[in-house]
PDB file of all heavy atoms in Angstrom:
ATOM      1  N   GLU A   1       0.839  -1.193  -0.011  1.00  0.00           N
ATOM      2  CA  GLU A   1       0.019  -0.011   0.004  1.00  0.00           C
ATOM      3  C   GLU A   1       0.876   1.258   0.003  1.00  0.00           C
ATOM      4  O   GLU A   1       1.935   1.256   0.555  1.00  0.00           O
ATOM      5  CB  GLU A   1      -0.910   0.018   1.234  1.00  0.00           C
ATOM      6  CG  GLU A   1      -1.889  -1.145   1.325  1.00  0.00           C
ATOM      7  CD  GLU A   1      -3.071  -1.040   0.382  1.00  0.00           C
ATOM      8  OE1 GLU A   1      -3.291   0.036  -0.227  1.00  0.00           O
ATOM      9  OE2 GLU A   1      -3.780  -2.061   0.194  1.00  0.00           O
ATOM     10  N   GLY A   2       0.366   2.291  -0.618  1.00  0.00           N
ATOM     11  CA  GLY A   2       1.065   3.597  -0.657  1.00  0.00           C
ATOM     12  C   GLY A   2       0.463   4.446  -1.765  1.00  0.00           C
ATOM     13  O   GLY A   2      -0.075   3.911  -2.725  1.00  0.00           O
ATOM     14  N   ASP A   3       0.595   5.743  -1.628  1.00  0.00           N
ATOM     15  CA  ASP A   3       0.091   6.638  -2.605  1.00  0.00           C
ATOM     16  C   ASP A   3       0.792   6.465  -3.958  1.00  0.00           C
ATOM     17  O   ASP A   3       1.859   5.887  -4.033  1.00  0.00           O
ATOM     18  CB  ASP A   3       0.296   8.124  -2.161  1.00  0.00           C
ATOM     19  CG  ASP A   3      -0.559   8.477  -0.945  1.00  0.00           C
ATOM     20  OD1 ASP A   3      -1.612   7.811  -0.753  1.00  0.00           O
ATOM     21  OD2 ASP A   3      -0.167   9.393  -0.204  1.00  0.00           O
ATOM     22  N   LEU A   4       0.201   7.003  -5.002  1.00  0.00           N
ATOM     23  CA  LEU A   4       0.850   6.983  -6.341  1.00  0.00           C
ATOM     24  C   LEU A   4       2.196   7.687  -6.232  1.00  0.00           C
ATOM     25  O   LEU A   4       2.342   8.741  -5.576  1.00  0.00           O
ATOM     26  CB  LEU A   4      -0.024   7.740  -7.354  1.00  0.00           C
ATOM     27  CG  LEU A   4      -1.326   7.028  -7.747  1.00  0.00           C
ATOM     28  CD1 LEU A   4      -2.214   7.974  -8.582  1.00  0.00           C
ATOM     29  CD2 LEU A   4      -1.043   5.771  -8.542  1.00  0.00           C
ATOM     30  N   GLY A   5       3.200   7.102  -6.848  1.00  0.00           N
ATOM     31  CA  GLY A   5       4.533   7.702  -6.913  1.00  0.00           C
ATOM     32  C   GLY A   5       5.361   7.536  -5.630  1.00  0.00           C
ATOM     33  O   GLY A   5       6.402   8.169  -5.516  1.00  0.00           O
ATOM     34  N   VAL A   6       4.913   6.709  -4.687  1.00  0.00           N
ATOM     35  CA  VAL A   6       5.638   6.594  -3.415  1.00  0.00           C
ATOM     36  C   VAL A   6       6.820   5.610  -3.511  1.00  0.00           C
ATOM     37  O   VAL A   6       7.713   5.615  -2.644  1.00  0.00           O
ATOM     38  CB  VAL A   6       4.663   6.217  -2.281  1.00  0.00           C
ATOM     39  CG1 VAL A   6       4.320   4.723  -2.317  1.00  0.00           C
ATOM     40  CG2 VAL A   6       5.194   6.624  -0.943  1.00  0.00           C
ATOM     41  N   GLY A   7       6.826   4.787  -4.553  1.00  0.00           N
ATOM     42  CA  GLY A   7       7.952   3.837  -4.701  1.00  0.00           C
ATOM     43  C   GLY A   7       7.572   2.394  -4.616  1.00  0.00           C
ATOM     44  O   GLY A   7       8.406   1.519  -4.386  1.00  0.00           O
ATOM     45  N   LYS A   8       6.314   2.075  -4.850  1.00  0.00           N
ATOM     46  CA  LYS A   8       5.878   0.665  -4.803  1.00  0.00           C
ATOM     47  C   LYS A   8       6.557  -0.216  -5.828  1.00  0.00           C
ATOM     48  O   LYS A   8       6.978  -1.331  -5.551  1.00  0.00           O
ATOM     49  CB  LYS A   8       4.348   0.573  -4.921  1.00  0.00           C
ATOM     50  CG  LYS A   8       3.572   1.157  -3.756  1.00  0.00           C
ATOM     51  CD  LYS A   8       2.078   0.982  -3.861  1.00  0.00           C
ATOM     52  CE  LYS A   8       1.449   1.634  -5.058  1.00  0.00           C
ATOM     53  NZ  LYS A   8       1.504   3.098  -5.059  1.00  0.00           N
ATOM     54  N   THR A   9       6.719   0.333  -7.055  1.00  0.00           N
ATOM     55  CA  THR A   9       7.380  -0.466  -8.109  1.00  0.00           C
ATOM     56  C   THR A   9       8.845  -0.614  -7.788  1.00  0.00           C
ATOM     57  O   THR A   9       9.412  -1.688  -8.027  1.00  0.00           O
ATOM     58  CB  THR A   9       7.150   0.210  -9.482  1.00  0.00           C
ATOM     59  OG1 THR A   9       5.745   0.262  -9.756  1.00  0.00           O
ATOM     60  CG2 THR A   9       7.826  -0.592 -10.582  1.00  0.00           C
ATOM     61  N   VAL A  10       9.506   0.364  -7.259  1.00  0.00           N
ATOM     62  CA  VAL A  10      10.921   0.245  -6.887  1.00  0.00           C
ATOM     63  C   VAL A  10      11.034  -0.843  -5.778  1.00  0.00           C
ATOM     64  O   VAL A  10      11.921  -1.699  -5.880  1.00  0.00           O
ATOM     65  CB  VAL A  10      11.463   1.583  -6.340  1.00  0.00           C
ATOM     66  CG1 VAL A  10      12.844   1.414  -5.731  1.00  0.00           C
ATOM     67  CG2 VAL A  10      11.488   2.625  -7.448  1.00  0.00           C
ATOM     68  N   PHE A  11      10.138  -0.826  -4.811  1.00  0.00           N
ATOM     69  CA  PHE A  11      10.166  -1.855  -3.776  1.00  0.00           C
ATOM     70  C   PHE A  11       9.975  -3.223  -4.419  1.00  0.00           C
ATOM     71  O   PHE A  11      10.671  -4.180  -4.053  1.00  0.00           O
ATOM     72  CB  PHE A  11       9.081  -1.578  -2.748  1.00  0.00           C
ATOM     73  CG  PHE A  11       9.072  -2.530  -1.599  1.00  0.00           C
ATOM     74  CD1 PHE A  11       9.831  -2.294  -0.481  1.00  0.00           C
ATOM     75  CD2 PHE A  11       8.336  -3.703  -1.652  1.00  0.00           C
ATOM     76  CE1 PHE A  11       9.871  -3.196   0.587  1.00  0.00           C
ATOM     77  CE2 PHE A  11       8.384  -4.612  -0.648  1.00  0.00           C
ATOM     78  CZ  PHE A  11       9.134  -4.380   0.495  1.00  0.00           C
ATOM     79  N   ALA A  12       9.007  -3.318  -5.342  1.00  0.00           N
ATOM     80  CA  ALA A  12       8.727  -4.614  -5.995  1.00  0.00           C
ATOM     81  C   ALA A  12       9.934  -5.121  -6.796  1.00  0.00           C
ATOM     82  O   ALA A  12      10.217  -6.309  -6.799  1.00  0.00           O
ATOM     83  CB  ALA A  12       7.497  -4.456  -6.934  1.00  0.00           C
ATOM     84  N   LYS A  13      10.698  -4.200  -7.388  1.00  0.00           N
ATOM     85  CA  LYS A  13      11.903  -4.596  -8.125  1.00  0.00           C
ATOM     86  C   LYS A  13      12.916  -5.211  -7.171  1.00  0.00           C
ATOM     87  O   LYS A  13      13.538  -6.242  -7.460  1.00  0.00           O
ATOM     88  CB  LYS A  13      12.525  -3.408  -8.847  1.00  0.00           C
ATOM     89  CG  LYS A  13      11.731  -2.959 -10.067  1.00  0.00           C
ATOM     90  CD  LYS A  13      12.336  -1.710 -10.710  1.00  0.00           C
ATOM     91  CE  LYS A  13      11.505  -1.270 -11.888  1.00  0.00           C
ATOM     92  NZ  LYS A  13      12.091  -0.119 -12.566  1.00  0.00           N
ATOM     93  N   GLY A  14      13.109  -4.576  -6.017  1.00  0.00           N
ATOM     94  CA  GLY A  14      14.009  -5.136  -5.039  1.00  0.00           C
ATOM     95  C   GLY A  14      13.538  -6.454  -4.466  1.00  0.00           C
ATOM     96  O   GLY A  14      14.313  -7.404  -4.294  1.00  0.00           O
ATOM     97  N   PHE A  15      12.227  -6.554  -4.226  1.00  0.00           N
ATOM     98  CA  PHE A  15      11.623  -7.816  -3.739  1.00  0.00           C
ATOM     99  C   PHE A  15      11.910  -8.937  -4.723  1.00  0.00           C
ATOM    100  O   PHE A  15      12.312 -10.049  -4.334  1.00  0.00           O
ATOM    101  CB  PHE A  15      10.110  -7.581  -3.570  1.00  0.00           C
ATOM    102  CG  PHE A  15       9.349  -8.617  -2.854  1.00  0.00           C
ATOM    103  CD1 PHE A  15       9.246  -8.584  -1.470  1.00  0.00           C
ATOM    104  CD2 PHE A  15       8.725  -9.653  -3.524  1.00  0.00           C
ATOM    105  CE1 PHE A  15       8.516  -9.544  -0.786  1.00  0.00           C
ATOM    106  CE2 PHE A  15       8.013 -10.611  -2.859  1.00  0.00           C
ATOM    107  CZ  PHE A  15       7.929 -10.541  -1.472  1.00  0.00           C
ATOM    108  N   ALA A  16      11.736  -8.647  -6.024  1.00  0.00           N
ATOM    109  CA  ALA A  16      11.976  -9.662  -7.045  1.00  0.00           C
ATOM    110  C   ALA A  16      13.455 -10.053  -7.072  1.00  0.00           C
ATOM    111  O   ALA A  16      13.787 -11.233  -7.167  1.00  0.00           O
ATOM    112  CB  ALA A  16      11.546  -9.108  -8.425  1.00  0.00           C
ATOM    113  N   GLU A  17      14.359  -9.083  -6.947  1.00  0.00           N
ATOM    114  CA  GLU A  17      15.781  -9.377  -6.873  1.00  0.00           C
ATOM    115  C   GLU A  17      16.111 -10.330  -5.730  1.00  0.00           C
ATOM    116  O   GLU A  17      16.907 -11.239  -5.874  1.00  0.00           O
ATOM    117  CB  GLU A  17      16.591  -8.094  -6.733  1.00  0.00           C
ATOM    118  CG  GLU A  17      16.741  -7.277  -7.964  1.00  0.00           C
ATOM    119  CD  GLU A  17      17.548  -6.000  -7.734  1.00  0.00           C
ATOM    120  OE1 GLU A  17      18.268  -5.898  -6.704  1.00  0.00           O
ATOM    121  OE2 GLU A  17      17.470  -5.102  -8.617  1.00  0.00           O
ATOM    122  N   GLY A  18      15.446 -10.092  -4.590  1.00  0.00           N
ATOM    123  CA  GLY A  18      15.651 -10.944  -3.422  1.00  0.00           C
ATOM    124  C   GLY A  18      15.206 -12.376  -3.648  1.00  0.00           C
ATOM    125  O   GLY A  18      15.675 -13.310  -2.995  1.00  0.00           O
ATOM    126  N   LEU A  19      14.295 -12.570  -4.597  1.00  0.00           N
ATOM    127  CA  LEU A  19      13.833 -13.913  -4.962  1.00  0.00           C
ATOM    128  C   LEU A  19      14.695 -14.526  -6.054  1.00  0.00           C
ATOM    129  O   LEU A  19      14.451 -15.657  -6.464  1.00  0.00           O
ATOM    130  CB  LEU A  19      12.369 -13.842  -5.473  1.00  0.00           C
ATOM    131  CG  LEU A  19      11.320 -13.562  -4.435  1.00  0.00           C
ATOM    132  CD1 LEU A  19       9.977 -13.229  -5.086  1.00  0.00           C
ATOM    133  CD2 LEU A  19      11.150 -14.733  -3.477  1.00  0.00           C
ATOM    134  N   GLY A  20      15.670 -13.766  -6.541  1.00  0.00           N
ATOM    135  CA  GLY A  20      16.543 -14.258  -7.584  1.00  0.00           C
ATOM    136  C   GLY A  20      16.037 -14.032  -8.987  1.00  0.00           C
ATOM    137  O   GLY A  20      16.524 -14.631  -9.960  1.00  0.00           O
ATOM    138  N   ILE A  21      15.097 -13.131  -9.101  1.00  0.00           N
ATOM    139  CA  ILE A  21      14.495 -12.795 -10.431  1.00  0.00           C
ATOM    140  C   ILE A  21      15.378 -11.706 -11.075  1.00  0.00           C
ATOM    141  O   ILE A  21      15.624 -10.673 -10.471  1.00  0.00           O
ATOM    142  CB  ILE A  21      13.052 -12.316 -10.284  1.00  0.00           C
ATOM    143  CG1 ILE A  21      12.209 -13.496  -9.745  1.00  0.00           C
ATOM    144  CG2 ILE A  21      12.478 -11.774 -11.587  1.00  0.00           C
ATOM    145  CD1 ILE A  21      10.838 -13.119  -9.239  1.00  0.00           C
ATOM    146  N   THR A  22      15.799 -11.975 -12.315  1.00  0.00           N
ATOM    147  CA  THR A  22      16.711 -11.019 -12.983  1.00  0.00           C
ATOM    148  C   THR A  22      16.019 -10.317 -14.137  1.00  0.00           C
ATOM    149  O   THR A  22      16.542  -9.304 -14.627  1.00  0.00           O
ATOM    150  CB  THR A  22      17.988 -11.748 -13.533  1.00  0.00           C
ATOM    151  OG1 THR A  22      17.556 -12.782 -14.405  1.00  0.00           O
ATOM    152  CG2 THR A  22      18.782 -12.316 -12.393  1.00  0.00           C
ATOM    153  N   GLU A  23      14.858 -10.804 -14.578  1.00  0.00           N
ATOM    154  CA  GLU A  23      14.166 -10.131 -15.701  1.00  0.00           C
ATOM    155  C   GLU A  23      13.617  -8.792 -15.206  1.00  0.00           C
ATOM    156  O   GLU A  23      13.384  -8.592 -13.994  1.00  0.00           O
ATOM    157  CB  GLU A  23      13.071 -10.997 -16.275  1.00  0.00           C
ATOM    158  CG  GLU A  23      11.931 -11.306 -15.324  1.00  0.00           C
ATOM    159  CD  GLU A  23      10.927 -12.264 -15.931  1.00  0.00           C
ATOM    160  OE1 GLU A  23      10.108 -11.844 -16.778  1.00  0.00           O
ATOM    161  OE2 GLU A  23      10.944 -13.429 -15.572  1.00  0.00           O
ATOM    162  N   PRO A  24      13.396  -7.836 -16.104  1.00  0.00           N
ATOM    163  CA  PRO A  24      12.863  -6.533 -15.696  1.00  0.00           C
ATOM    164  C   PRO A  24      11.502  -6.637 -15.029  1.00  0.00           C
ATOM    165  O   PRO A  24      10.635  -7.388 -15.505  1.00  0.00           O
ATOM    166  CB  PRO A  24      12.755  -5.793 -17.035  1.00  0.00           C
ATOM    167  CG  PRO A  24      13.643  -6.515 -17.972  1.00  0.00           C
ATOM    168  CD  PRO A  24      13.647  -7.927 -17.528  1.00  0.00           C
ATOM    169  N   VAL A  25      11.338  -5.929 -13.964  1.00  0.00           N
ATOM    170  CA  VAL A  25      10.064  -5.906 -13.222  1.00  0.00           C
ATOM    171  C   VAL A  25       9.374  -4.570 -13.537  1.00  0.00           C
ATOM    172  O   VAL A  25       9.978  -3.509 -13.412  1.00  0.00           O
ATOM    173  CB  VAL A  25      10.290  -6.064 -11.708  1.00  0.00           C
ATOM    174  CG1 VAL A  25       9.015  -5.836 -10.928  1.00  0.00           C
ATOM    175  CG2 VAL A  25      10.902  -7.416 -11.398  1.00  0.00           C
ATOM    176  N   THR A  26       8.123  -4.691 -13.997  1.00  0.00           N
ATOM    177  CA  THR A  26       7.362  -3.470 -14.307  1.00  0.00           C
ATOM    178  C   THR A  26       6.067  -3.518 -13.566  1.00  0.00           C
ATOM    179  O   THR A  26       5.603  -4.544 -13.092  1.00  0.00           O
ATOM    180  CB  THR A  26       7.063  -3.427 -15.835  1.00  0.00           C
ATOM    181  OG1 THR A  26       6.332  -4.612 -16.205  1.00  0.00           O
ATOM    182  CG2 THR A  26       8.351  -3.336 -16.658  1.00  0.00           C
ATOM    183  N   SER A  27       5.445  -2.368 -13.430  1.00  0.00           N
ATOM    184  CA  SER A  27       4.178  -2.262 -12.719  1.00  0.00           C
ATOM    185  C   SER A  27       3.087  -2.915 -13.574  1.00  0.00           C
ATOM    186  O   SER A  27       2.975  -2.665 -14.789  1.00  0.00           O
ATOM    187  CB  SER A  27       3.796  -0.804 -12.504  1.00  0.00           C
ATOM    188  OG  SER A  27       2.523  -0.718 -11.892  1.00  0.00           O
ATOM    189  N   PRO A  28       2.274  -3.796 -12.943  1.00  0.00           N
ATOM    190  CA  PRO A  28       1.203  -4.415 -13.687  1.00  0.00           C
ATOM    191  C   PRO A  28      -0.092  -3.609 -13.732  1.00  0.00           C
ATOM    192  O   PRO A  28      -1.174  -4.137 -13.770  1.00  0.00           O
ATOM    193  CB  PRO A  28       0.995  -5.744 -12.907  1.00  0.00           C
ATOM    194  CG  PRO A  28       1.381  -5.392 -11.500  1.00  0.00           C
ATOM    195  CD  PRO A  28       2.461  -4.343 -11.622  1.00  0.00           C
ATOM    196  N   THR A  29       0.042  -2.285 -13.780  1.00  0.00           N
ATOM    197  CA  THR A  29      -1.142  -1.396 -13.691  1.00  0.00           C
ATOM    198  C   THR A  29      -2.159  -1.748 -14.749  1.00  0.00           C
ATOM    199  O   THR A  29      -3.367  -1.757 -14.440  1.00  0.00           O
ATOM    200  CB  THR A  29      -0.701   0.055 -13.835  1.00  0.00           C
ATOM    201  OG1 THR A  29       0.217   0.366 -12.766  1.00  0.00           O
ATOM    202  CG2 THR A  29      -1.887   1.007 -13.792  1.00  0.00           C
ATOM    203  N   PHE A  30      -1.775  -1.997 -15.974  1.00  0.00           N
ATOM    204  CA  PHE A  30      -2.750  -2.231 -17.020  1.00  0.00           C
ATOM    205  C   PHE A  30      -3.054  -3.703 -17.247  1.00  0.00           C
ATOM    206  O   PHE A  30      -4.086  -4.050 -17.843  1.00  0.00           O
ATOM    207  CB  PHE A  30      -2.301  -1.535 -18.325  1.00  0.00           C
ATOM    208  CG  PHE A  30      -2.239  -0.054 -18.150  1.00  0.00           C
ATOM    209  CD1 PHE A  30      -1.019   0.582 -17.974  1.00  0.00           C
ATOM    210  CD2 PHE A  30      -3.398   0.698 -18.177  1.00  0.00           C
ATOM    211  CE1 PHE A  30      -0.996   1.976 -17.798  1.00  0.00           C
ATOM    212  CE2 PHE A  30      -3.365   2.068 -17.997  1.00  0.00           C
ATOM    213  CZ  PHE A  30      -2.138   2.697 -17.812  1.00  0.00           C
ATOM    214  N   THR A  31      -2.166  -4.594 -16.839  1.00  0.00           N
ATOM    215  CA  THR A  31      -2.393  -6.037 -17.037  1.00  0.00           C
ATOM    216  C   THR A  31      -2.999  -6.694 -15.787  1.00  0.00           C
ATOM    217  O   THR A  31      -3.448  -7.801 -15.821  1.00  0.00           O
ATOM    218  CB  THR A  31      -1.064  -6.760 -17.354  1.00  0.00           C
ATOM    219  OG1 THR A  31      -0.141  -6.535 -16.278  1.00  0.00           O
ATOM    220  CG2 THR A  31      -0.477  -6.274 -18.657  1.00  0.00           C
ATOM    221  N   MET A  32      -2.946  -6.012 -14.652  1.00  0.00           N
ATOM    222  CA  MET A  32      -3.366  -6.450 -13.346  1.00  0.00           C
ATOM    223  C   MET A  32      -2.484  -7.485 -12.682  1.00  0.00           C
ATOM    224  O   MET A  32      -2.462  -7.635 -11.508  1.00  0.00           O
ATOM    225  CB  MET A  32      -4.857  -6.886 -13.328  1.00  0.00           C
ATOM    226  CG  MET A  32      -5.749  -5.741 -13.587  1.00  0.00           C
ATOM    227  SD  MET A  32      -7.285  -5.677 -12.647  1.00  0.00           S
ATOM    228  CE  MET A  32      -8.120  -7.164 -12.968  1.00  0.00           C
ATOM    229  N   ILE A  33      -1.732  -8.240 -13.480  1.00  0.00           N
ATOM    230  CA  ILE A  33      -0.803  -9.219 -12.912  1.00  0.00           C
ATOM    231  C   ILE A  33       0.408  -9.432 -13.810  1.00  0.00           C
ATOM    232  O   ILE A  33       0.266  -9.474 -15.022  1.00  0.00           O
ATOM    233  CB  ILE A  33      -1.495 -10.576 -12.589  1.00  0.00           C
ATOM    234  CG1 ILE A  33      -0.484 -11.511 -11.891  1.00  0.00           C
ATOM    235  CG2 ILE A  33      -2.063 -11.227 -13.823  1.00  0.00           C
ATOM    236  CD1 ILE A  33      -1.094 -12.757 -11.299  1.00  0.00           C
TER     237      ILE A  33
END
């Protein structure tokens, strides 16, 4: 949770890195997932 522009996608990119994911992480705003 957080307002628009607060850094949720940046956090998600780091979260993915912690899982060992190396592909680019983008916001699923229009695809929902």
